Amino acid sequence: MDQGGAYGHSDVPVASPDLSLSFGDTAYSKWDPKTRSIKVEITGPAWAWQNNWKADAMYGVSPGAHWTFRGNEDLSNFELEGGFPGVAWSMAKITPQPDVVCPPPPGTSKRDIVKCAAFDRISTAFGHVVHYYVWRIVDGQGNPIQPYYDEYIKFANSVSDHSSIGGWAIGLSGDCSAPNTGFRGVRSGASKFSAGNSSIVHASAFVV
């Protein structure tokens, strides 16, 4: 997720301190083909956060919060449910045009780089529309997709503030003082887990 426009163009004035998400937390939610939807808990193991005080604060006030991704029939557009009231959130699939070179070569402008993104993330509120762009950084087998994966690692490392002590406040395990780290929620056991119960979700540092 490139809310801050570190790699491609973004209209978002203030970016959230998260890094990436996946749909691999099957203990929480699985893809439902009937409703064409899946949920992702932002304090669960499928949501990665920057290791700094902003992420510590947002993670700490978000227990149990989640997004629901609900697709249209051909999955070219997803409505997102779970954000602030009065704001419409969506993701539109991007299909690069024939004249667009992907992956973008070095020196490509940020406005042209986003033509290779996976999705256009759109937020609409009070007549105002802002965009940022979403990239696939690994494939279904966990293999890095370049150059997007390396750009992600470079950004994640750049926002890792290893002097932050906020990790202590959210019960962060691991060496949260180490440079080049992020964190995510982990579950203490599937048998203890129930949807919406974040009491058994703990934060754990990981190396980026």
Protein backbone atom coordinates (compact mmCIF):
# COMPACT_ATOMS: atom_id res chain seq x y z
CA MET A 1 0.00 0.00 0.00
CA ASP A 2 1.62 3.23 -1.14
CA GLN A 3 -0.56 5.80 0.60
CA GLY A 4 2.28 8.24 1.09
CA GLY A 5 3.46 8.10 -2.51
CA ALA A 6 6.92 6.73 -1.76
CA TYR A 7 6.99 4.85 -5.07
CA GLY A 8 4.09 6.07 -7.20
CA HIS A 9 1.83 9.11 -7.18
CA SER A 10 -0.61 9.62 -4.31
CA ASP A 11 -3.23 12.27 -3.53
CA VAL A 12 -3.55 11.23 0.11
CA PRO A 13 -2.57 14.15 2.39
CA VAL A 14 -1.84 12.03 5.48
CA ALA A 15 -0.77 8.39 5.12
CA SER A 16 -1.52 5.62 7.60
CA PRO A 17 1.56 3.96 9.16
CA ASP A 18 0.92 0.50 7.74
CA LEU A 19 2.97 -1.41 5.18
CA SER A 20 1.11 -4.23 3.47
CA LEU A 21 -1.71 -6.73 3.72
CA SER A 22 -2.50 -10.22 2.53
CA PHE A 23 -5.52 -12.50 2.48
CA GLY A 24 -3.68 -15.36 4.14
CA ASP A 25 -5.21 -15.14 7.63
CA THR A 26 -7.62 -18.00 7.01
CA ALA A 27 -8.24 -18.45 10.74
CA TYR A 28 -10.07 -15.12 10.58
CA SER A 29 -11.73 -15.15 7.17
CA LYS A 30 -11.72 -17.04 3.89
CA TRP A 31 -12.85 -15.96 0.44
CA ASP A 32 -16.62 -16.42 0.10
CA PRO A 33 -17.44 -17.00 -3.60
CA LYS A 34 -21.15 -16.41 -3.02
CA THR A 35 -20.75 -12.92 -1.60
CA ARG A 36 -17.41 -12.37 -3.37
CA SER A 37 -15.94 -11.08 -0.12
CA ILE A 38 -13.26 -11.59 2.48
CA LYS A 39 -12.36 -9.84 5.73
CA VAL A 40 -8.90 -8.78 6.90
CA GLU A 41 -8.27 -7.83 10.54
CA ILE A 42 -5.86 -4.91 10.69
CA THR A 43 -4.40 -6.02 14.01
CA GLY A 44 -4.12 -9.63 12.84
CA PRO A 45 -1.24 -11.48 11.18
CA ALA A 46 -2.24 -10.49 7.64
CA TRP A 47 -1.59 -6.77 8.20
CA ALA A 48 1.96 -5.42 8.47
CA TRP A 49 2.82 -2.18 10.27
CA GLN A 50 5.75 0.20 10.29
CA ASN A 51 7.92 0.00 13.40
CA ASN A 52 7.47 3.55 14.70
CA TRP A 53 5.39 5.47 17.21
CA LYS A 54 2.62 6.34 14.74
CA ALA A 55 1.98 2.68 13.98
CA ASP A 56 2.19 1.78 17.67
CA ALA A 57 -0.52 4.35 18.43
CA MET A 58 -2.84 3.33 15.57
CA TYR A 59 -2.42 -0.37 16.28
CA GLY A 60 -3.10 0.22 19.96
CA VAL A 61 -6.49 1.85 19.36
CA SER A 62 -7.64 -0.60 16.67
CA PRO A 63 -8.29 -3.96 18.40
CA GLY A 64 -10.69 -6.06 16.35
CA ALA A 65 -10.94 -3.52 13.52
CA HIS A 66 -11.20 -5.03 10.07
CA TRP A 67 -11.89 -4.28 6.43
CA THR A 68 -14.30 -6.26 4.27
CA PHE A 69 -13.32 -6.48 0.59
CA ARG A 70 -16.41 -7.07 -1.55
CA GLY A 71 -15.93 -7.58 -5.29
CA ASN A 72 -18.20 -7.07 -8.28
CA GLU A 73 -19.01 -9.94 -10.64
CA ASP A 74 -15.78 -9.86 -12.64
CA LEU A 75 -13.68 -8.76 -9.64
CA SER A 76 -12.52 -5.64 -11.44
CA ASN A 77 -13.71 -3.46 -8.57
CA PHE A 78 -13.90 -3.94 -4.81
CA GLU A 79 -15.94 -1.96 -2.31
CA LEU A 80 -14.27 -1.67 1.10
CA GLU A 81 -16.37 -1.71 4.24
CA GLY A 82 -15.09 -0.79 7.67
CA GLY A 83 -13.75 2.75 7.42
CA PHE A 84 -15.00 6.08 8.67
CA PRO A 85 -18.72 6.90 8.20
CA GLY A 86 -19.41 9.21 5.27
CA VAL A 87 -16.42 8.03 3.25
CA ALA A 88 -16.72 5.66 0.27
CA TRP A 89 -13.75 3.34 -0.20
CA SER A 90 -13.03 1.23 -3.26
CA MET A 91 -10.29 -0.44 -5.30
CA ALA A 92 -10.39 -0.53 -9.11
CA LYS A 93 -8.26 -3.08 -10.94
CA ILE A 94 -5.70 -1.56 -13.31
CA THR A 95 -5.01 -3.18 -16.67
CA PRO A 96 -1.93 -1.60 -18.27
CA GLN A 97 -2.51 -0.19 -21.73
CA PRO A 98 -0.56 -1.64 -24.69
CA ASP A 99 1.78 1.36 -24.82
CA VAL A 100 2.69 1.12 -21.12
CA VAL A 101 5.95 -0.65 -20.26
CA CYS A 102 5.65 -2.78 -17.09
CA PRO A 103 7.52 -3.07 -14.87
CA PRO A 104 8.37 0.61 -15.26
CA PRO A 105 11.99 1.26 -16.27
CA PRO A 106 14.28 3.39 -14.06
CA GLY A 107 13.58 7.09 -14.33
CA THR A 108 9.84 6.68 -14.91
CA SER A 109 7.82 9.47 -13.26
CA LYS A 110 5.57 8.66 -10.31
CA ARG A 111 2.46 9.50 -12.35
CA ASP A 112 3.53 7.02 -15.03
CA ILE A 113 4.68 4.36 -12.56
CA VAL A 114 1.13 3.97 -11.26
CA LYS A 115 -0.03 2.81 -14.70
CA CYS A 116 1.58 -0.52 -13.74
CA ALA A 117 -0.08 -0.77 -10.31
CA ALA A 118 -2.45 -3.61 -9.44
CA PHE A 119 -5.26 -1.41 -8.11
CA ASP A 120 -6.29 2.23 -7.86
CA ARG A 121 -7.40 2.78 -4.25
CA ILE A 122 -10.11 5.44 -4.26
CA SER A 123 -11.55 7.38 -1.33
CA THR A 124 -14.51 9.72 -1.76
CA ALA A 125 -15.83 12.11 0.90
CA PHE A 126 -17.91 15.27 0.66
CA GLY A 127 -17.37 15.55 -3.06
CA HIS A 128 -13.61 15.11 -2.85
CA VAL A 129 -11.82 12.14 -4.39
CA VAL A 130 -8.27 11.01 -3.61
CA HIS A 131 -6.26 8.16 -5.08
CA TYR A 132 -3.31 6.07 -4.09
CA TYR A 133 -2.07 2.88 -5.67
CA VAL A 134 -1.73 -0.71 -4.55
CA TRP A 135 1.03 -3.06 -5.73
CA ARG A 136 1.48 -6.80 -5.67
CA ILE A 137 4.83 -7.48 -4.06
CA VAL A 138 4.72 -11.31 -3.92
CA ASP A 139 2.93 -13.93 -6.02
CA GLY A 140 0.72 -16.76 -4.79
CA GLN A 141 3.75 -18.87 -3.90
CA GLY A 142 5.42 -16.09 -1.91
CA ASN A 143 7.97 -15.23 -4.59
CA PRO A 144 8.95 -11.55 -4.78
CA ILE A 145 7.56 -9.55 -7.72
CA GLN A 146 10.20 -7.09 -8.86
CA PRO A 147 10.88 -4.23 -8.75
CA TYR A 148 7.89 -3.69 -6.46
CA TYR A 149 9.14 -5.97 -3.69
CA ASP A 150 12.51 -4.24 -3.43
CA GLU A 151 10.83 -0.83 -3.42
CA TYR A 152 8.59 -2.04 -0.58
CA ILE A 153 11.56 -3.23 1.47
CA LYS A 154 13.39 0.04 0.85
CA PHE A 155 10.39 2.04 2.07
CA ALA A 156 9.73 -0.23 5.07
CA ASN A 157 13.32 0.13 6.20
CA SER A 158 13.21 3.91 5.77
CA VAL A 159 10.29 4.29 8.20
CA SER A 160 11.61 1.84 10.81
CA ASP A 161 12.26 4.04 13.84
CA HIS A 162 14.08 1.60 16.07
CA SER A 163 14.34 4.18 18.84
CA SER A 164 10.57 3.96 19.37
CA ILE A 165 9.47 2.71 22.80
CA GLY A 166 5.79 2.56 21.88
CA GLY A 167 6.10 -1.14 21.14
CA TRP A 168 6.27 -1.77 24.86
CA ALA A 169 2.83 -0.18 25.30
CA ILE A 170 1.20 -2.57 22.82
CA GLY A 171 2.98 -5.65 24.12
CA LEU A 172 5.32 -6.00 21.18
CA SER A 173 7.44 -9.13 21.41
CA GLY A 174 10.77 -9.58 19.68
CA ASP A 175 13.47 -6.95 19.35
CA CYS A 176 11.43 -3.86 18.54
CA SER A 177 14.54 -1.71 18.98
CA ALA A 178 16.27 -3.36 16.02
CA PRO A 179 16.59 -1.36 12.78
CA ASN A 180 14.88 -2.47 9.58
CA THR A 181 11.91 -4.09 11.31
CA GLY A 182 8.14 -3.94 11.12
CA PHE A 183 5.45 -5.68 13.15
CA ARG A 184 2.16 -7.55 12.81
CA GLY A 185 -0.37 -9.25 15.04
CA VAL A 186 0.04 -12.95 15.82
CA ARG A 187 -2.48 -15.37 17.27
CA SER A 188 -1.74 -17.49 20.32
CA GLY A 189 -3.77 -20.40 18.99
CA ALA A 190 -6.59 -21.05 16.59
CA SER A 191 -8.57 -22.90 19.26
CA LYS A 192 -8.78 -19.71 21.33
CA PHE A 193 -9.68 -17.48 18.42
CA SER A 194 -13.10 -16.07 17.60
CA ALA A 195 -13.92 -13.39 15.06
CA GLY A 196 -13.68 -9.90 16.49
CA ASN A 197 -11.79 -11.06 19.60
CA SER A 198 -8.40 -9.40 19.60
CA SER A 199 -7.50 -10.29 23.16
CA ILE A 200 -5.34 -13.15 21.90
CA VAL A 201 -3.72 -11.14 19.11
CA HIS A 202 -0.26 -9.99 20.11
CA ALA A 203 2.24 -7.89 18.19
CA SER A 204 5.47 -9.45 17.00
CA ALA A 205 8.43 -7.77 15.35
CA PHE A 206 9.81 -9.09 12.08
CA VAL A 207 12.77 -8.18 9.93
CA VAL A 208 12.05 -6.35 6.70
